[in-house]
C-alpha atoms as a PDB file:
ATOM      1  CA  MET A   1       0.000   0.000   0.000  1.00  0.00           C
ATOM      2  CA  ALA A   2       1.305   3.453  -0.857  1.00  0.00           C
ATOM      3  CA  ASP A   3       1.920   5.723   2.144  1.00  0.00           C
ATOM      4  CA  LEU A   4       1.747   9.490   2.053  1.00  0.00           C
ATOM      5  CA  PRO A   5       4.871  11.472   2.901  1.00  0.00           C
ATOM      6  CA  PRO A   6       4.764  12.809   6.491  1.00  0.00           C
ATOM      7  CA  ARG A   7       4.240  16.297   5.093  1.00  0.00           C
ATOM      8  CA  PRO A   8       4.062  17.725   1.573  1.00  0.00           C
ATOM      9  CA  PRO A   9       7.360  18.786  -0.021  1.00  0.00           C
ATOM     10  CA  PHE A  10       7.793  22.550   0.033  1.00  0.00           C
ATOM     11  CA  SER A  11      10.679  24.591  -1.321  1.00  0.00           C
ATOM     12  CA  PRO A  12      11.023  27.628  -3.620  1.00  0.00           C
ATOM     13  CA  ARG A  13      11.832  25.452  -6.623  1.00  0.00           C
ATOM     14  CA  LEU A  14       8.427  23.771  -6.215  1.00  0.00           C
ATOM     15  CA  TRP A  15       6.285  26.882  -5.792  1.00  0.00           C
ATOM     16  CA  LEU A  16       5.080  26.785  -9.390  1.00  0.00           C
ATOM     17  CA  HIS A  17       4.131  23.142  -8.894  1.00  0.00           C
ATOM     18  CA  TRP A  18       2.069  24.117  -5.853  1.00  0.00           C
ATOM     19  CA  LEU A  19       0.404  26.896  -7.825  1.00  0.00           C
ATOM     20  CA  GLY A  20      -0.577  24.432 -10.537  1.00  0.00           C
ATOM     21  CA  VAL A  21      -1.977  21.969  -8.010  1.00  0.00           C
ATOM     22  CA  GLY A  22      -3.864  24.759  -6.260  1.00  0.00           C
ATOM     23  CA  LEU A  23      -5.496  25.844  -9.512  1.00  0.00           C
ATOM     24  CA  ALA A  24      -6.406  22.233 -10.315  1.00  0.00           C
ATOM     25  CA  MET A  25      -7.966  21.791  -6.873  1.00  0.00           C
ATOM     26  CA  ALA A  26     -10.034  24.927  -7.418  1.00  0.00           C
ATOM     27  CA  ALA A  27     -11.101  23.672 -10.877  1.00  0.00           C
ATOM     28  CA  ALA A  28     -12.174  20.379  -9.279  1.00  0.00           C
ATOM     29  CA  ARG A  29     -14.907  22.243  -7.396  1.00  0.00           C
ATOM     30  CA  LEU A  30     -16.481  24.020 -10.370  1.00  0.00           C
ATOM     31  CA  PRO A  31     -20.000  23.018 -11.453  1.00  0.00           C
ATOM     32  CA  VAL A  32     -20.007  20.062 -13.850  1.00  0.00           C
ATOM     33  CA  PRO A  33     -21.509  21.995 -16.836  1.00  0.00           C
ATOM     34  CA  LEU A  34     -18.849  24.679 -16.471  1.00  0.00           C
ATOM     35  CA  GLN A  35     -16.117  22.043 -16.258  1.00  0.00           C
ATOM     36  CA  HIS A  36     -17.349  20.486 -19.496  1.00  0.00           C
ATOM     37  CA  ALA A  37     -17.477  23.849 -21.271  1.00  0.00           C
ATOM     38  CA  LEU A  38     -13.985  24.796 -20.107  1.00  0.00           C
ATOM     39  CA  GLY A  39     -12.759  21.298 -20.939  1.00  0.00           C
ATOM     40  CA  ARG A  40     -13.948  21.558 -24.525  1.00  0.00           C
ATOM     41  CA  LEU A  41     -12.160  24.900 -24.849  1.00  0.00           C
ATOM     42  CA  LEU A  42      -8.976  23.527 -23.262  1.00  0.00           C
ATOM     43  CA  GLY A  43      -9.061  20.524 -25.595  1.00  0.00           C
ATOM     44  CA  ALA A  44      -9.427  22.730 -28.663  1.00  0.00           C
ATOM     45  CA  LEU A  45      -6.431  24.797 -27.536  1.00  0.00           C
ATOM     46  CA  ALA A  46      -4.382  21.637 -26.960  1.00  0.00           C
ATOM     47  CA  ARG A  47      -5.211  20.444 -30.474  1.00  0.00           C
ATOM     48  CA  LEU A  48      -3.882  23.710 -31.909  1.00  0.00           C
ATOM     49  CA  LEU A  49      -0.835  24.059 -29.654  1.00  0.00           C
ATOM     50  CA  LEU A  50       0.447  20.457 -29.571  1.00  0.00           C
ATOM     51  CA  PRO A  51       1.294  19.522 -33.171  1.00  0.00           C
ATOM     52  CA  SER A  52       3.369  16.460 -32.246  1.00  0.00           C
ATOM     53  CA  ARG A  53       0.495  14.974 -30.246  1.00  0.00           C
ATOM     54  CA  ARG A  54      -1.956  15.899 -32.983  1.00  0.00           C
ATOM     55  CA  ARG A  55       0.227  13.993 -35.416  1.00  0.00           C
ATOM     56  CA  ALA A  56       0.370  10.965 -33.065  1.00  0.00           C
ATOM     57  CA  VAL A  57      -3.432  10.900 -32.861  1.00  0.00           C
ATOM     58  CA  ARG A  58      -3.741  11.043 -36.666  1.00  0.00           C
ATOM     59  CA  ILE A  59      -1.295   8.152 -37.077  1.00  0.00           C
ATOM     60  CA  ASN A  60      -3.027   6.069 -34.389  1.00  0.00           C
ATOM     61  CA  LEU A  61      -6.452   6.606 -35.936  1.00  0.00           C
ATOM     62  CA  ALA A  62      -5.177   5.751 -39.421  1.00  0.00           C
ATOM     63  CA  LEU A  63      -3.574   2.538 -38.128  1.00  0.00           C
ATOM     64  CA  CYS A  64      -6.445   1.423 -35.901  1.00  0.00           C
ATOM     65  CA  LEU A  65      -9.503   2.649 -37.782  1.00  0.00           C
ATOM     66  CA  PRO A  66      -8.614   2.405 -41.494  1.00  0.00           C
ATOM     67  CA  GLU A  67     -12.278   1.782 -42.315  1.00  0.00           C
ATOM     68  CA  LEU A  68     -12.974   5.467 -41.571  1.00  0.00           C
ATOM     69  CA  ASP A  69     -12.304   7.971 -44.342  1.00  0.00           C
ATOM     70  CA  GLU A  70     -10.050  10.959 -43.722  1.00  0.00           C
ATOM     71  CA  ALA A  71     -12.934  13.320 -42.939  1.00  0.00           C
ATOM     72  CA  ALA A  72     -14.366  10.912 -40.340  1.00  0.00           C
ATOM     73  CA  ARG A  73     -10.964  10.437 -38.698  1.00  0.00           C
ATOM     74  CA  GLU A  74     -10.447  14.209 -38.585  1.00  0.00           C
ATOM     75  CA  ALA A  75     -13.843  14.623 -36.900  1.00  0.00           C
ATOM     76  CA  LEU A  76     -12.873  11.923 -34.399  1.00  0.00           C
ATOM     77  CA  LEU A  77      -9.560  13.700 -33.738  1.00  0.00           C
ATOM     78  CA  ARG A  78     -11.420  16.913 -32.878  1.00  0.00           C
ATOM     79  CA  ALA A  79     -13.848  15.033 -30.634  1.00  0.00           C
ATOM     80  CA  HIS A  80     -10.926  13.282 -28.961  1.00  0.00           C
ATOM     81  CA  PHE A  81      -9.190  16.518 -28.007  1.00  0.00           C
ATOM     82  CA  ARG A  82     -12.470  17.847 -26.619  1.00  0.00           C
ATOM     83  CA  ASP A  83     -12.806  14.714 -24.499  1.00  0.00           C
ATOM     84  CA  VAL A  84      -9.201  15.032 -23.345  1.00  0.00           C
ATOM     85  CA  GLY A  85      -9.968  18.536 -22.105  1.00  0.00           C
ATOM     86  CA  ILE A  86     -13.103  17.378 -20.290  1.00  0.00           C
ATOM     87  CA  GLY A  87     -11.179  14.407 -18.927  1.00  0.00           C
ATOM     88  CA  LEU A  88      -8.636  16.660 -17.227  1.00  0.00           C
ATOM     89  CA  PHE A  89     -11.450  18.186 -15.192  1.00  0.00           C
ATOM     90  CA  GLU A  90     -12.802  14.708 -14.476  1.00  0.00           C
ATOM     91  CA  PHE A  91      -9.428  13.657 -13.105  1.00  0.00           C
ATOM     92  CA  ALA A  92      -9.316  16.739 -10.883  1.00  0.00           C
ATOM     93  CA  ARG A  93     -12.876  16.156  -9.612  1.00  0.00           C
ATOM     94  CA  ALA A  94     -12.088  12.520  -8.801  1.00  0.00           C
ATOM     95  CA  TRP A  95      -8.953  13.424  -6.848  1.00  0.00           C
ATOM     96  CA  TRP A  96     -10.000  16.603  -5.062  1.00  0.00           C
ATOM     97  CA  GLY A  97     -13.679  17.338  -5.706  1.00  0.00           C
ATOM     98  CA  GLU A  98     -17.065  15.937  -4.825  1.00  0.00           C
ATOM     99  CA  ILE A  99     -18.963  13.432  -6.960  1.00  0.00           C
ATOM    100  CA  ALA A 100     -22.381  13.710  -5.301  1.00  0.00           C
ATOM    101  CA  PRO A 101     -23.804  15.505  -8.389  1.00  0.00           C
ATOM    102  CA  ILE A 102     -22.598  12.601 -10.576  1.00  0.00           C
ATOM    103  CA  ARG A 103     -23.660   9.580  -8.508  1.00  0.00           C
ATOM    104  CA  ALA A 104     -27.343   9.978  -9.375  1.00  0.00           C
ATOM    105  CA  ASN A 105     -26.555   9.687 -13.092  1.00  0.00           C
ATOM    106  CA  ALA A 106     -24.151   6.743 -12.812  1.00  0.00           C
ATOM    107  CA  GLN A 107     -25.144   3.361 -14.213  1.00  0.00           C
ATOM    108  CA  ILE A 108     -23.143   0.339 -13.065  1.00  0.00           C
ATOM    109  CA  GLU A 109     -23.686  -3.076 -14.630  1.00  0.00           C
ATOM    110  CA  GLY A 110     -22.159  -6.342 -13.441  1.00  0.00           C
ATOM    111  CA  LEU A 111     -21.647  -5.727  -9.720  1.00  0.00           C
ATOM    112  CA  GLU A 112     -23.085  -9.211  -9.132  1.00  0.00           C
ATOM    113  CA  ILE A 113     -20.086 -10.642 -11.011  1.00  0.00           C
ATOM    114  CA  LEU A 114     -17.692  -9.030  -8.536  1.00  0.00           C
ATOM    115  CA  GLN A 115     -19.805 -10.224  -5.619  1.00  0.00           C
ATOM    116  CA  ARG A 116     -19.751 -13.796  -6.913  1.00  0.00           C
ATOM    117  CA  LEU A 117     -15.983 -13.790  -7.349  1.00  0.00           C
ATOM    118  CA  ARG A 118     -15.462 -12.257  -3.912  1.00  0.00           C
ATOM    119  CA  GLU A 119     -17.611 -14.996  -2.355  1.00  0.00           C
ATOM    120  CA  GLU A 120     -15.316 -17.516  -4.051  1.00  0.00           C
ATOM    121  CA  GLY A 121     -12.390 -15.854  -2.269  1.00  0.00           C
ATOM    122  CA  ARG A 122     -10.613 -14.906  -5.487  1.00  0.00           C
ATOM    123  CA  GLY A 123      -8.621 -11.803  -6.166  1.00  0.00           C
ATOM    124  CA  ILE A 124      -9.924  -9.741  -9.060  1.00  0.00           C
ATOM    125  CA  LEU A 125      -7.876  -7.908 -11.672  1.00  0.00           C
ATOM    126  CA  LEU A 126     -10.149  -5.356 -13.343  1.00  0.00           C
ATOM    127  CA  VAL A 127      -8.595  -4.844 -16.772  1.00  0.00           C
ATOM    128  CA  SER A 128      -9.401  -1.590 -18.506  1.00  0.00           C
ATOM    129  CA  GLY A 129      -7.879   0.837 -20.956  1.00  0.00           C
ATOM    130  CA  HIS A 130      -6.642   4.393 -20.619  1.00  0.00           C
ATOM    131  CA  PHE A 131      -9.916   6.217 -21.126  1.00  0.00           C
ATOM    132  CA  MET A 132     -10.340   9.798 -19.978  1.00  0.00           C
ATOM    133  CA  THR A 133     -13.088   8.647 -17.603  1.00  0.00           C
ATOM    134  CA  LEU A 134     -10.892   6.129 -15.799  1.00  0.00           C
ATOM    135  CA  GLU A 135     -10.282   8.079 -12.595  1.00  0.00           C
ATOM    136  CA  LEU A 136     -13.816   9.368 -12.078  1.00  0.00           C
ATOM    137  CA  CYS A 137     -15.391   5.999 -12.864  1.00  0.00           C
ATOM    138  CA  GLY A 138     -12.896   4.283 -10.592  1.00  0.00           C
ATOM    139  CA  ARG A 139     -14.055   6.549  -7.787  1.00  0.00           C
ATOM    140  CA  LEU A 140     -17.698   5.770  -8.589  1.00  0.00           C
ATOM    141  CA  LEU A 141     -16.948   2.047  -8.385  1.00  0.00           C
ATOM    142  CA  CYS A 142     -15.337   2.567  -4.968  1.00  0.00           C
ATOM    143  CA  ASP A 143     -18.818   3.378  -3.656  1.00  0.00           C
ATOM    144  CA  HIS A 144     -19.660  -0.313  -4.105  1.00  0.00           C
ATOM    145  CA  VAL A 145     -16.465  -2.370  -3.702  1.00  0.00           C
ATOM    146  CA  PRO A 146     -13.082  -1.910  -2.009  1.00  0.00           C
ATOM    147  CA  LEU A 147     -10.925  -1.068  -5.009  1.00  0.00           C
ATOM    148  CA  ALA A 148      -7.173  -0.541  -5.248  1.00  0.00           C
ATOM    149  CA  GLY A 149      -5.205   0.791  -8.186  1.00  0.00           C
ATOM    150  CA  MET A 150      -1.814   0.545  -9.810  1.00  0.00           C
ATOM    151  CA  TYR A 151      -0.124   3.707 -11.032  1.00  0.00           C
ATOM    152  CA  ARG A 152       3.063   5.209 -12.380  1.00  0.00           C
ATOM    153  CA  PRO A 153       4.555   7.692  -9.865  1.00  0.00           C
ATOM    154  CA  HIS A 154       4.683  11.329 -10.984  1.00  0.00           C
ATOM    155  CA  ARG A 155       8.022  13.025 -11.478  1.00  0.00           C
ATOM    156  CA  SER A 156       6.878  16.105  -9.547  1.00  0.00           C
ATOM    157  CA  PRO A 157       6.930  15.385  -5.801  1.00  0.00           C
ATOM    158  CA  VAL A 158       4.144  17.926  -5.310  1.00  0.00           C
ATOM    159  CA  LEU A 159       1.856  16.268  -7.852  1.00  0.00           C
ATOM    160  CA  GLU A 160       2.757  12.826  -6.501  1.00  0.00           C
ATOM    161  CA  TRP A 161       1.805  13.870  -2.952  1.00  0.00           C
ATOM    162  CA  ALA A 162      -1.391  15.675  -3.962  1.00  0.00           C
ATOM    163  CA  VAL A 163      -2.672  12.972  -6.334  1.00  0.00           C
ATOM    164  CA  LEU A 164      -1.862  10.112  -3.965  1.00  0.00           C
ATOM    165  CA  ARG A 165      -3.573  11.973  -1.129  1.00  0.00           C
ATOM    166  CA  GLY A 166      -6.618  12.503  -3.325  1.00  0.00           C
ATOM    167  CA  ARG A 167      -6.804   8.890  -4.469  1.00  0.00           C
ATOM    168  CA  LEU A 168      -6.471   7.473  -0.975  1.00  0.00           C
ATOM    169  CA  ARG A 169      -9.662   9.294   0.025  1.00  0.00           C
ATOM    170  CA  TYR A 170     -11.600   6.606  -1.841  1.00  0.00           C
ATOM    171  CA  ALA A 171      -9.254   3.807  -2.979  1.00  0.00           C
ATOM    172  CA  ARG A 172      -8.424   0.917  -0.668  1.00  0.00           C
ATOM    173  CA  ALA A 173      -4.742   1.155  -1.655  1.00  0.00           C
ATOM    174  CA  MET A 174      -2.492   2.472  -4.410  1.00  0.00           C
ATOM    175  CA  PHE A 175       0.485   0.450  -5.638  1.00  0.00           C
ATOM    176  CA  ALA A 176       3.324   2.022  -7.586  1.00  0.00           C
ATOM    177  CA  ASN A 177       4.009   0.026 -10.735  1.00  0.00           C
ATOM    178  CA  HIS A 178       7.393  -1.123  -9.406  1.00  0.00           C
ATOM    179  CA  ASN A 179       5.856  -2.514  -6.193  1.00  0.00           C
ATOM    180  CA  THR A 180       5.084  -5.943  -7.613  1.00  0.00           C
ATOM    181  CA  ARG A 181       5.402  -7.927  -4.379  1.00  0.00           C
ATOM    182  CA  ALA A 182       2.787  -5.875  -2.537  1.00  0.00           C
ATOM    183  CA  THR A 183       0.474  -6.090  -5.536  1.00  0.00           C
ATOM    184  CA  LEU A 184       0.749  -9.875  -5.645  1.00  0.00           C
ATOM    185  CA  ARG A 185       0.055 -10.143  -1.910  1.00  0.00           C
ATOM    186  CA  TYR A 186      -3.028  -7.972  -2.294  1.00  0.00           C
ATOM    187  CA  LEU A 187      -4.427 -10.131  -5.102  1.00  0.00           C
ATOM    188  CA  LYS A 188      -3.595 -13.383  -3.290  1.00  0.00           C
ATOM    189  CA  HIS A 189      -5.642 -12.186  -0.324  1.00  0.00           C
ATOM    190  CA  GLY A 190      -8.723 -11.558  -2.440  1.00  0.00           C
ATOM    191  CA  GLY A 191      -8.260  -7.865  -3.263  1.00  0.00           C
ATOM    192  CA  ILE A 192      -9.760  -6.060  -6.249  1.00  0.00           C
ATOM    193  CA  LEU A 193      -7.235  -4.174  -8.381  1.00  0.00           C
ATOM    194  CA  TRP A 194      -7.827  -1.792 -11.293  1.00  0.00           C
ATOM    195  CA  TYR A 195      -5.169  -2.196 -13.979  1.00  0.00           C
ATOM    196  CA  ALA A 196      -4.625  -0.841 -17.495  1.00  0.00           C
ATOM    197  CA  PRO A 197      -2.027  -2.777 -19.552  1.00  0.00           C
ATOM    198  CA  ASP A 198      -2.579  -0.897 -22.831  1.00  0.00           C
ATOM    199  CA  GLN A 199       0.519   1.310 -22.944  1.00  0.00           C
ATOM    200  CA  ASP A 200       4.070   0.637 -24.091  1.00  0.00           C
ATOM    201  CA  MET A 201       5.853   0.297 -20.731  1.00  0.00           C
ATOM    202  CA  ARG A 202       9.521   0.525 -21.617  1.00  0.00           C
ATOM    203  CA  GLY A 203      11.804  -1.554 -19.447  1.00  0.00           C
ATOM    204  CA  LYS A 204       9.037  -4.026 -18.542  1.00  0.00           C
ATOM    205  CA  ASP A 205       8.522  -7.607 -19.731  1.00  0.00           C
ATOM    206  CA  THR A 206       6.681  -7.287 -23.018  1.00  0.00           C
ATOM    207  CA  VAL A 207       5.673  -9.305 -26.042  1.00  0.00           C
ATOM    208  CA  TYR A 208       4.284  -8.184 -29.377  1.00  0.00           C
ATOM    209  CA  ALA A 209       0.558  -8.808 -29.608  1.00  0.00           C
ATOM    210  CA  PRO A 210      -1.940  -7.327 -32.078  1.00  0.00           C
ATOM    211  CA  PHE A 211      -3.965  -4.280 -31.097  1.00  0.00           C
ATOM    212  CA  PHE A 212      -6.399  -3.285 -33.843  1.00  0.00           C
ATOM    213  CA  GLY A 213      -4.397  -5.665 -36.030  1.00  0.00           C
ATOM    214  CA  VAL A 214      -1.130  -3.765 -35.479  1.00  0.00           C
ATOM    215  CA  PRO A 215       1.791  -5.291 -33.512  1.00  0.00           C
ATOM    216  CA  ALA A 216       1.949  -3.552 -30.126  1.00  0.00           C
ATOM    217  CA  ALA A 217       4.531  -3.991 -27.384  1.00  0.00           C
ATOM    218  CA  THR A 218       2.277  -5.408 -24.641  1.00  0.00           C
ATOM    219  CA  ILE A 219       3.212  -5.831 -21.002  1.00  0.00           C
ATOM    220  CA  THR A 220       2.838  -9.417 -19.797  1.00  0.00           C
ATOM    221  CA  ALA A 221       1.795  -8.493 -16.246  1.00  0.00           C
ATOM    222  CA  THR A 222      -1.858  -9.502 -16.720  1.00  0.00           C
ATOM    223  CA  HIS A 223      -0.773 -13.048 -17.572  1.00  0.00           C
ATOM    224  CA  GLN A 224       1.786 -13.089 -14.749  1.00  0.00           C
ATOM    225  CA  PHE A 225      -0.587 -11.739 -12.082  1.00  0.00           C
ATOM    226  CA  ALA A 226      -3.171 -14.393 -12.968  1.00  0.00           C
ATOM    227  CA  ARG A 227      -0.556 -17.153 -13.061  1.00  0.00           C
ATOM    228  CA  LEU A 228       1.007 -16.247  -9.709  1.00  0.00           C
ATOM    229  CA  THR A 229      -2.138 -15.407  -7.719  1.00  0.00           C
ATOM    230  CA  GLY A 230      -5.028 -17.282  -9.350  1.00  0.00           C
ATOM    231  CA  CYS A 231      -6.956 -14.021  -9.629  1.00  0.00           C
ATOM    232  CA  ALA A 232      -9.841 -13.582 -12.047  1.00  0.00           C
ATOM    233  CA  VAL A 233      -9.154 -11.265 -14.998  1.00  0.00           C
ATOM    234  CA  VAL A 234     -12.303  -9.197 -15.535  1.00  0.00           C
ATOM    235  CA  PRO A 235     -12.869  -6.621 -18.322  1.00  0.00           C
ATOM    236  CA  PHE A 236     -13.996  -3.231 -16.974  1.00  0.00           C
ATOM    237  CA  PHE A 237     -15.456  -0.716 -19.414  1.00  0.00           C
ATOM    238  CA  HIS A 238     -16.451   2.862 -18.607  1.00  0.00           C
ATOM    239  CA  ARG A 239     -17.610   5.846 -20.629  1.00  0.00           C
ATOM    240  CA  ARG A 240     -19.348   9.209 -20.431  1.00  0.00           C
ATOM    241  CA  GLU A 241     -22.692   9.607 -22.183  1.00  0.00           C
ATOM    242  CA  GLY A 242     -23.577  13.292 -21.973  1.00  0.00           C
ATOM    243  CA  SER A 243     -23.933  13.925 -18.242  1.00  0.00           C
ATOM    244  CA  ARG A 244     -24.266  10.208 -17.453  1.00  0.00           C
ATOM    245  CA  TYR A 245     -21.498   7.714 -16.674  1.00  0.00           C
ATOM    246  CA  VAL A 246     -21.815   4.066 -17.648  1.00  0.00           C
ATOM    247  CA  LEU A 247     -19.650   1.395 -15.975  1.00  0.00           C
ATOM    248  CA  ARG A 248     -19.817  -2.171 -17.244  1.00  0.00           C
ATOM    249  CA  ILE A 249     -18.131  -5.155 -15.577  1.00  0.00           C
ATOM    250  CA  GLY A 250     -17.796  -8.198 -17.818  1.00  0.00           C
ATOM    251  CA  GLU A 251     -17.497 -11.892 -17.146  1.00  0.00           C
ATOM    252  CA  PRO A 252     -13.972 -13.130 -16.333  1.00  0.00           C
ATOM    253  CA  LEU A 253     -11.761 -14.247 -19.196  1.00  0.00           C
ATOM    254  CA  THR A 254     -11.759 -18.046 -19.208  1.00  0.00           C
ATOM    255  CA  PRO A 255      -9.693 -20.073 -19.400  1.00  0.00           C
ATOM    256  CA  PHE A 256      -7.058 -17.608 -18.209  1.00  0.00           C
ATOM    257  CA  PRO A 257      -4.125 -17.750 -17.955  1.00  0.00           C
ATOM    258  CA  SER A 258      -3.019 -20.255 -20.554  1.00  0.00           C
ATOM    259  CA  ASP A 259       0.471 -21.580 -21.205  1.00  0.00           C
ATOM    260  CA  ASP A 260       0.847 -19.110 -24.083  1.00  0.00           C
ATOM    261  CA  VAL A 261       1.690 -15.597 -22.876  1.00  0.00           C
ATOM    262  CA  VAL A 262       1.301 -14.098 -26.358  1.00  0.00           C
ATOM    263  CA  ALA A 263      -2.159 -15.618 -26.731  1.00  0.00           C
ATOM    264  CA  ASP A 264      -3.172 -14.239 -23.336  1.00  0.00           C
ATOM    265  CA  CYS A 265      -1.889 -10.745 -24.181  1.00  0.00           C
ATOM    266  CA  THR A 266      -3.759 -10.950 -27.485  1.00  0.00           C
ATOM    267  CA  ARG A 267      -6.997 -11.744 -25.626  1.00  0.00           C
ATOM    268  CA  VAL A 268      -6.502  -8.810 -23.269  1.00  0.00           C
ATOM    269  CA  ASN A 269      -5.752  -6.444 -26.165  1.00  0.00           C
ATOM    270  CA  ALA A 270      -8.875  -7.683 -27.961  1.00  0.00           C
ATOM    271  CA  ALA A 271     -10.994  -6.968 -24.878  1.00  0.00           C
ATOM    272  CA  ILE A 272      -9.636  -3.421 -24.662  1.00  0.00           C
ATOM    273  CA  GLU A 273     -10.090  -2.934 -28.410  1.00  0.00           C
ATOM    274  CA  ALA A 274     -13.782  -3.821 -28.021  1.00  0.00           C
ATOM    275  CA  MET A 275     -14.066  -1.152 -25.317  1.00  0.00           C
ATOM    276  CA  VAL A 276     -12.386   1.450 -27.516  1.00  0.00           C
ATOM    277  CA  ARG A 277     -14.816   0.818 -30.356  1.00  0.00           C
ATOM    278  CA  GLN A 278     -17.696   1.674 -28.004  1.00  0.00           C
ATOM    279  CA  ALA A 279     -16.255   5.070 -27.009  1.00  0.00           C
ATOM    280  CA  PRO A 280     -13.469   5.905 -29.481  1.00  0.00           C
ATOM    281  CA  SER A 281     -13.204   9.629 -28.740  1.00  0.00           C
ATOM    282  CA  GLN A 282     -12.650   8.973 -25.009  1.00  0.00           C
ATOM    283  CA  TYR A 283      -9.663   6.669 -25.505  1.00  0.00           C
ATOM    284  CA  LEU A 284      -6.155   8.090 -25.013  1.00  0.00           C
ATOM    285  CA  TRP A 285      -5.023   8.227 -28.636  1.00  0.00           C
ATOM    286  CA  LEU A 286      -2.347  10.763 -27.640  1.00  0.00           C
ATOM    287  CA  HIS A 287      -0.143   7.882 -26.480  1.00  0.00           C
ATOM    288  CA  ARG A 288       2.354   6.583 -29.065  1.00  0.00           C
ATOM    289  CA  ARG A 289       1.143   3.020 -28.702  1.00  0.00           C
ATOM    290  CA  PHE A 290       3.087   1.618 -31.674  1.00  0.00           C
ATOM    291  CA  LYS A 291       6.412   3.350 -31.145  1.00  0.00           C
ATOM    292  CA  ARG A 292       8.258   0.042 -30.739  1.00  0.00           C
ATOM    293  CA  GLN A 293       7.845  -2.460 -33.559  1.00  0.00           C
ATOM    294  CA  PRO A 294       9.275  -5.944 -34.185  1.00  0.00           C
ATOM    295  CA  ASP A 295      11.434  -4.610 -37.053  1.00  0.00           C
ATOM    296  CA  GLY A 296      12.903  -1.886 -34.809  1.00  0.00           C
ATOM    297  CA  ARG A 297      11.193   0.938 -36.697  1.00  0.00           C
ATOM    298  CA  SER A 298       8.716   3.329 -35.110  1.00  0.00           C
ATOM    299  CA  ARG A 299       5.317   3.952 -36.651  1.00  0.00           C
ATOM    300  CA  TYR A 300       5.801   7.647 -35.825  1.00  0.00           C
ATOM    301  CA  ASP A 301       9.077   8.312 -37.696  1.00  0.00           C
END
């Protein structure tokens, strides 16, 4: 379990960091309609001011959704940046704001699946993708089950302290991605862990498995966690529909794990791909998912 520092780091070199966190905490308390309006504006500005990320989104969409014509992909790109902007406010609200106005409009399907697995005494690995709704929907799910998460520590000590403090208001525990032993213990003892294995994690154990038919460096941790702990691997989908949030918990992947790590990673990628197709604009296309390729060449060169 991640512990907070005894007190937040504070020095002149971090004052700008504190200012940024303070502004984000204030933004977390704005009314939801205003957050969405400001988020759409922020996303449009990001699309104009971040040409390298705009290019990465275009390449990702062309690789993953070739059935769309150029005009449709360009419309999706614009919608994606709008959802990124809204998602930043959703992250802030999850960490530091209140979600009472959102609970009434939340729809959660499949809680009985988690209850059944918990009664069996099994750990549960909730496998999802990097959608902009991930943090807010994770907090909504914490209303119903004790949920922990895995995360990559922030480089800024101020942001690390503030975000971890915010998450531990509702999460059972937070495990840094290098803290594998504690994560395994948690799953072995029947814990529920949210996990997103859909990014290229350099320096980790990876294999190449198809994602939208394109080879993608895929971390093998989902296979390894299931093999070492006997946990159930359960797809977890979440999306925003206007002012409503929909969370859907699927049946566990079975049989899982198999003896073939590539086959297991392919199944996990396929499950996440199915989620993306349901809410394509809310997926994190900004990430250079296909930067590493089997032939050593990047798809973004």
